């Protein structure tokens, strides 16, 4: 059993596997930076998208529409640059969990609303079960980064002299 555990750890630490994890980390980061920036430039449209989900009380809609995009940009930037990877991956995972639940909840209620994911336009594509599958898959990927990333191609070691993730 110890040999098997050693083989698994050797695989998880291999350059090939870590290259895949680093690629996924950067791709998720770019996606979150882009999604956040599209919302930052059009906060009113994003506020409408948040409101249309009918989950938050009206008093939290505008605050969410202003704060959430900046959280996405900061967390995405951490993933792209490889700085504070565990924190960035945890935030992205948490956001994707909330997004997945919100999509599933509104799909089950039959609401015909724009996603608000990558566009703040109320005329953007309406949510579908494919969006739920997409966000669920991205959640799995983000959790993979959270658990398996060892900081390959990360700036954390170069800037702070410390590992970017678990060693």
Foldseek 3Di string as FASTA:
>chain_A
DVVVVVVVVCVLPDPVNLVVLLVLLLVQLVLLLQLLVQLQVPLVLLLVQQVLLVPDDNVCSSVCSNPVSVLSNVLSVCSNQLALQLVSLVSSLVVLVVLLVSLVVCVVVVRFFCSSRNHSHRPHHTRDVVVSVVSVVSSVSSVCSNPRHFRVNHCHCVPVVDTSHDD
